[in-house]
Amino acid sequence: MRVIMSSIAALMVATSSRAVTAFSTRSVAPKVAARALTARHMSSAPGPMPYDDEKMPIYALGMNIGMQISQQTDFKNLLEEDELEILLAGFSDVIKAENTANPMDVLQKFGPAVNDLLRERMEGVMDKVKKDGAEYIDGFLDCNEEAEKTESGLVYYCMKEGDGASPVVEDEVEVHYHGTLTDGTVFDSSVDRGATIKFKLGQVIKGWQEGLAMMKEGGKATLVIPPELAYGDAGSGGAVPPGATLKFEVELFKVNP
C-alpha cells in the first residue's frame, strides 16, 4: 500500500503541505493551521459515535488514515461508487494480508494504467470545476448589480461600508470570514468557529490581498475569487479542489499597521 500511495501521490497536483488555512499561502504557522482546519471535515454538531468507547480509538485511527489520504487526493470526486468499493477492497486486502495476488506484481502490471486513469480523471474534474466557477461568477454579477469585477478577475461586493482605515499588504488585519465553494460547501469559517482571526495581509492569497485593500475598518464584503487569485490548479488539500473558485463573506474589524 505504501508503494501504491507514493505512486498516486506523485501524480497529485494538490499537496497536503499547502492546506494551512482557507486563505493562507504559507505552511509555517501550525497554531493558525490548527484553528483553520478544526471544522473542515466534520459538521459543527457532533454526531453519534458508531462504536463504544473501547472500540472508538481503533475507528479514530482509521478515520485519521482516511483523512490523510483524502487531503492529498479527492477520491470521492475522482471515482464512481463502485470504483470506491474496489479501491477499499484493495486497501483492506493488503491491511488484512488477504490479497490473492502479490501487490508488487499488481503494481508492476497495472501501475501505468493507474497513473493514466488518475491523470485523465483529474484533468476532467478540474476542467469542470473551472467551468462551474466561471459560470458562478457570471451569475453572481447578474444577480448583484452593485458588484464589481476588477481587472484581475476578483469580484467585490460591498455588503456594509466601513469608515476606518484600509489595509495595505504590510498591515495586520483582524477579520471574521465565511468561506464556501460555489456549490455552497463550507470549507473554512472563523464565524463557525466563533472567533475572529488576525494575520498579516501579505501572507494570504492574492484575492484576499486585493479584496481587503478595497475595504475599510467596520466594513463587510463578499469576495468571489477565481482560482488564479486563490489556490490555482493545486487546490488546498482536501478542502479546496484544484481549480476552484471561492466565495468569502469577510468582515474587517481592525487594521494594525
Protein backbone atom coordinates (compact mmCIF):
# COMPACT_ATOMS: atom_id res chain seq x y z
CA MET A 1 0.00 0.00 0.00
CA ARG A 2 2.91 2.32 0.69
CA VAL A 3 4.06 1.87 -2.92
CA ILE A 4 0.54 2.44 -4.22
CA MET A 5 0.10 5.67 -2.30
CA SER A 6 3.52 7.01 -3.26
CA SER A 7 2.73 6.35 -6.90
CA ILE A 8 -0.58 8.15 -6.57
CA ALA A 9 0.86 10.99 -4.53
CA ALA A 10 3.46 11.66 -7.22
CA LEU A 11 0.67 12.41 -9.66
CA MET A 12 -1.38 14.69 -7.43
CA VAL A 13 -1.32 18.37 -8.21
CA ALA A 14 -2.62 19.27 -4.76
CA THR A 15 -0.39 18.56 -1.78
CA SER A 16 -1.31 18.44 1.85
CA SER A 17 1.52 20.81 2.76
CA ARG A 18 -0.50 23.68 1.24
CA ALA A 19 -3.56 23.05 3.38
CA VAL A 20 -2.86 25.56 6.11
CA THR A 21 -5.92 27.80 6.19
CA ALA A 22 -8.56 28.58 3.66
CA PHE A 23 -6.64 31.66 2.60
CA SER A 24 -3.01 31.20 3.68
CA THR A 25 -0.14 30.86 1.23
CA ARG A 26 2.31 29.53 3.81
CA SER A 27 2.74 26.28 5.66
CA VAL A 28 4.78 27.60 8.58
CA ALA A 29 2.08 28.56 11.08
CA PRO A 30 0.94 25.40 12.89
CA LYS A 31 -1.16 27.24 15.50
CA VAL A 32 -3.10 29.09 12.80
CA ALA A 33 -3.38 25.88 10.80
CA ALA A 34 -4.87 24.04 13.73
CA ARG A 35 -7.56 26.68 14.15
CA ALA A 36 -8.35 26.84 10.46
CA LEU A 37 -8.64 23.10 9.99
CA THR A 38 -10.76 22.43 13.06
CA ALA A 39 -14.14 22.17 11.35
CA ARG A 40 -13.28 21.39 7.76
CA HIS A 41 -14.01 17.70 7.64
CA MET A 42 -16.90 17.48 10.09
CA SER A 43 -20.21 19.12 10.81
CA SER A 44 -20.41 21.74 13.53
CA ALA A 45 -22.72 19.49 15.58
CA PRO A 46 -21.14 16.19 16.74
CA GLY A 47 -22.96 13.09 15.54
CA PRO A 48 -23.42 9.74 17.26
CA MET A 49 -20.36 7.54 17.67
CA PRO A 50 -20.57 4.32 15.65
CA TYR A 51 -18.83 2.18 18.31
CA ASP A 52 -18.49 2.05 22.08
CA ASP A 53 -15.66 3.88 23.84
CA GLU A 54 -13.45 0.78 23.91
CA LYS A 55 -13.51 0.42 20.11
CA MET A 56 -13.61 4.09 19.11
CA PRO A 57 -9.79 4.58 19.29
CA ILE A 58 -9.41 1.98 16.51
CA TYR A 59 -12.12 3.66 14.50
CA ALA A 60 -10.40 7.01 15.07
CA LEU A 61 -7.17 5.51 13.72
CA GLY A 62 -8.99 4.50 10.54
CA MET A 63 -10.51 7.96 10.23
CA ASN A 64 -7.08 9.53 10.64
CA ILE A 65 -5.65 7.41 7.81
CA GLY A 66 -8.67 8.25 5.66
CA MET A 67 -8.33 11.98 6.32
CA GLN A 68 -4.64 11.97 5.43
CA ILE A 69 -5.35 10.22 2.14
CA SER A 70 -8.36 12.43 1.37
CA GLN A 71 -6.33 15.60 1.99
CA GLN A 72 -3.98 14.55 -0.81
CA THR A 73 -6.46 13.02 -3.25
CA ASP A 74 -10.18 13.67 -3.64
CA PHE A 75 -11.14 10.08 -4.46
CA LYS A 76 -14.82 10.78 -3.78
CA ASN A 77 -14.97 13.00 -6.87
CA LEU A 78 -12.44 11.07 -8.94
CA LEU A 79 -14.06 7.63 -8.66
CA GLU A 80 -17.56 6.23 -9.05
CA GLU A 81 -19.25 4.49 -6.11
CA ASP A 82 -18.45 1.00 -7.39
CA GLU A 83 -14.85 2.04 -8.06
CA LEU A 84 -14.52 3.32 -4.50
CA GLU A 85 -15.64 -0.08 -3.25
CA ILE A 86 -12.92 -1.76 -5.34
CA LEU A 87 -10.31 0.69 -4.05
CA LEU A 88 -11.34 -0.01 -0.44
CA ALA A 89 -11.24 -3.75 -1.16
CA GLY A 90 -7.64 -3.42 -2.32
CA PHE A 91 -6.76 -1.43 0.79
CA SER A 92 -8.48 -3.95 3.03
CA ASP A 93 -6.85 -6.96 1.37
CA VAL A 94 -3.37 -5.54 1.93
CA ILE A 95 -4.07 -4.45 5.52
CA LYS A 96 -5.54 -7.87 6.37
CA ALA A 97 -2.93 -9.76 4.30
CA GLU A 98 -5.78 -11.44 2.43
CA ASN A 99 -4.69 -10.44 -1.06
CA THR A 100 -4.64 -13.32 -3.56
CA ALA A 101 -2.13 -11.59 -5.84
CA ASN A 102 1.29 -10.22 -4.96
CA PRO A 103 0.86 -6.42 -4.56
CA MET A 104 4.17 -5.73 -6.30
CA ASP A 105 3.13 -7.85 -9.29
CA VAL A 106 -0.18 -5.97 -9.46
CA LEU A 107 1.58 -2.61 -9.31
CA GLN A 108 4.11 -3.56 -11.92
CA LYS A 109 1.39 -4.67 -14.32
CA PHE A 110 -1.28 -2.04 -13.64
CA GLY A 111 0.74 0.91 -12.28
CA PRO A 112 0.88 2.75 -15.64
CA ALA A 113 -2.89 2.28 -16.04
CA VAL A 114 -3.42 3.72 -12.55
CA ASN A 115 -1.39 6.80 -13.48
CA ASP A 116 -3.25 7.28 -16.77
CA LEU A 117 -6.63 6.86 -15.08
CA LEU A 118 -5.94 9.37 -12.32
CA ARG A 119 -4.41 11.91 -14.70
CA GLU A 120 -7.41 11.70 -17.01
CA ARG A 121 -9.93 11.92 -14.18
CA MET A 122 -8.12 14.82 -12.51
CA GLU A 123 -7.99 16.85 -15.71
CA GLY A 124 -11.69 16.24 -16.33
CA VAL A 125 -12.67 17.22 -12.79
CA MET A 126 -10.53 20.37 -12.84
CA ASP A 127 -11.94 21.49 -16.19
CA LYS A 128 -15.48 21.10 -14.83
CA VAL A 129 -14.61 22.91 -11.60
CA LYS A 130 -13.14 25.84 -13.55
CA LYS A 131 -16.15 26.00 -15.87
CA ASP A 132 -18.56 25.92 -12.93
CA GLY A 133 -16.56 28.71 -11.27
CA ALA A 134 -16.68 30.95 -14.33
CA GLU A 135 -20.43 30.40 -14.64
CA TYR A 136 -20.87 31.16 -10.94
CA ILE A 137 -19.06 34.47 -11.32
CA ASP A 138 -21.25 35.44 -14.28
CA GLY A 139 -24.37 34.53 -12.34
CA PHE A 140 -23.23 36.44 -9.25
CA LEU A 141 -22.61 39.58 -11.30
CA ASP A 142 -26.01 39.25 -12.98
CA CYS A 143 -27.77 38.94 -9.61
CA ASN A 144 -25.81 41.70 -7.86
CA GLU A 145 -25.72 44.86 -9.93
CA GLU A 146 -23.53 46.69 -7.40
CA ALA A 147 -20.84 44.01 -7.54
CA GLU A 148 -17.71 44.94 -9.44
CA LYS A 149 -15.20 42.79 -11.26
CA THR A 150 -11.64 44.07 -11.15
CA GLU A 151 -9.05 43.75 -13.89
CA SER A 152 -7.53 40.75 -12.10
CA GLY A 153 -10.85 38.88 -12.16
CA LEU A 154 -11.76 39.39 -8.48
CA VAL A 155 -15.43 40.09 -7.81
CA TYR A 156 -16.04 42.55 -4.97
CA TYR A 157 -19.48 43.22 -3.48
CA CYS A 158 -19.82 45.68 -0.60
CA MET A 159 -22.33 44.49 1.99
CA LYS A 160 -21.60 47.23 4.54
CA GLU A 161 -19.44 50.28 4.06
CA GLY A 162 -16.75 50.81 6.67
CA ASP A 163 -15.47 54.14 7.94
CA GLY A 164 -11.97 53.32 9.15
CA ALA A 165 -8.59 52.65 7.59
CA SER A 166 -7.98 50.44 4.56
CA PRO A 167 -5.17 47.88 4.93
CA VAL A 168 -2.05 47.50 2.82
CA VAL A 169 -0.11 44.25 2.43
CA GLU A 170 2.27 45.10 5.29
CA ASP A 171 -0.59 45.52 7.79
CA GLU A 172 -2.05 43.02 10.21
CA VAL A 173 -5.82 42.67 10.00
CA GLU A 174 -8.46 41.17 12.26
CA VAL A 175 -11.41 39.65 10.46
CA HIS A 176 -14.33 37.30 10.53
CA TYR A 177 -14.84 35.25 7.36
CA HIS A 178 -17.05 32.51 5.99
CA GLY A 179 -15.61 30.61 3.03
CA THR A 180 -17.61 28.42 0.65
CA LEU A 181 -17.17 26.67 -2.65
CA THR A 182 -19.53 27.61 -5.48
CA ASP A 183 -21.85 24.73 -4.56
CA GLY A 184 -22.28 26.19 -1.07
CA THR A 185 -19.95 23.76 0.72
CA VAL A 186 -18.33 25.48 3.71
CA PHE A 187 -14.62 24.72 3.66
CA ASP A 188 -13.45 27.18 6.30
CA SER A 189 -15.17 29.69 8.58
CA SER A 190 -14.00 31.74 11.52
CA VAL A 191 -17.67 32.57 12.03
CA ASP A 192 -18.47 28.89 12.61
CA ARG A 193 -15.52 28.60 14.99
CA GLY A 194 -16.80 31.61 16.92
CA ALA A 195 -13.51 33.53 16.94
CA THR A 196 -12.02 36.25 14.77
CA ILE A 197 -8.57 35.73 13.29
CA LYS A 198 -5.54 38.02 12.89
CA PHE A 199 -2.93 37.73 10.17
CA LYS A 200 -0.56 39.74 8.02
CA LEU A 201 -2.32 40.63 4.79
CA GLY A 202 0.81 39.86 2.79
CA GLN A 203 0.68 36.23 3.93
CA VAL A 204 -2.62 35.32 2.29
CA ILE A 205 -3.88 34.55 -1.21
CA LYS A 206 -3.92 37.33 -3.81
CA GLY A 207 -7.70 37.55 -3.87
CA TRP A 208 -7.71 38.39 -0.17
CA GLN A 209 -4.90 40.91 -0.53
CA GLU A 210 -6.76 42.77 -3.26
CA GLY A 211 -10.22 42.42 -1.75
CA LEU A 212 -9.35 43.55 1.78
CA ALA A 213 -7.44 46.54 0.38
CA MET A 214 -10.77 47.68 -1.07
CA MET A 215 -12.41 47.55 2.37
CA LYS A 216 -12.32 49.85 5.39
CA GLU A 217 -12.45 49.03 9.09
CA GLY A 218 -16.01 48.23 10.11
CA GLY A 219 -16.93 47.11 6.60
CA LYS A 220 -18.26 43.82 5.31
CA ALA A 221 -17.95 42.46 1.79
CA THR A 222 -18.35 39.39 -0.37
CA LEU A 223 -15.29 38.33 -2.35
CA VAL A 224 -15.66 35.88 -5.22
CA ILE A 225 -12.14 34.75 -6.03
CA PRO A 226 -11.22 32.91 -9.26
CA PRO A 227 -8.64 30.11 -8.99
CA GLU A 228 -5.76 32.17 -10.33
CA LEU A 229 -6.15 34.50 -7.32
CA ALA A 230 -6.75 31.63 -4.88
CA TYR A 231 -5.10 28.18 -4.97
CA GLY A 232 -4.96 27.69 -8.73
CA ASP A 233 -4.53 24.21 -10.15
CA ALA A 234 -3.02 22.97 -6.89
CA GLY A 235 -6.06 23.45 -4.68
CA SER A 236 -5.58 23.19 -0.94
CA GLY A 237 -5.51 19.65 0.38
CA GLY A 238 -8.93 18.06 0.67
CA ALA A 239 -10.67 21.35 1.49
CA VAL A 240 -10.34 23.29 -1.78
CA PRO A 241 -10.39 21.33 -5.07
CA PRO A 242 -7.88 22.15 -7.83
CA GLY A 243 -9.14 25.00 -10.00
CA ALA A 244 -11.82 26.06 -7.52
CA THR A 245 -13.47 29.47 -7.41
CA LEU A 246 -14.01 30.59 -3.81
CA LYS A 247 -16.60 32.82 -2.17
CA PHE A 248 -15.87 34.61 1.10
CA GLU A 249 -18.01 36.86 3.24
CA VAL A 250 -15.48 38.99 5.11
CA GLU A 251 -15.94 41.47 7.94
CA LEU A 252 -12.95 43.71 8.64
CA PHE A 253 -12.71 44.67 12.31
CA LYS A 254 -9.24 46.13 12.75
CA VAL A 255 -6.21 47.24 10.76
CA ASN A 256 -2.88 47.28 12.63
CA PRO A 257 -0.02 48.95 10.68
